[in-house]
């Protein structure tokens, strides 16, 4: 079983990565995968939304 200090360090690292991944996106999700009681990876899915205009035919990414 991991020590309390190890658990705190891992928790802080997870929070740091989640904060880093979440900056810059308005839509999406962050998935943390745990295997055997340990975090094995963190995955970010970002969704881009587009503004479709019928008059000019231009597509622009919304921020």
Foldseek 3Di string as FASTA:
>chain_A
DDDPVVVVVLVVVVVVVVVVLPPPADDWDKDFDDDPNHTDDIDIDGDWDWDQDPPPRDIDTDD
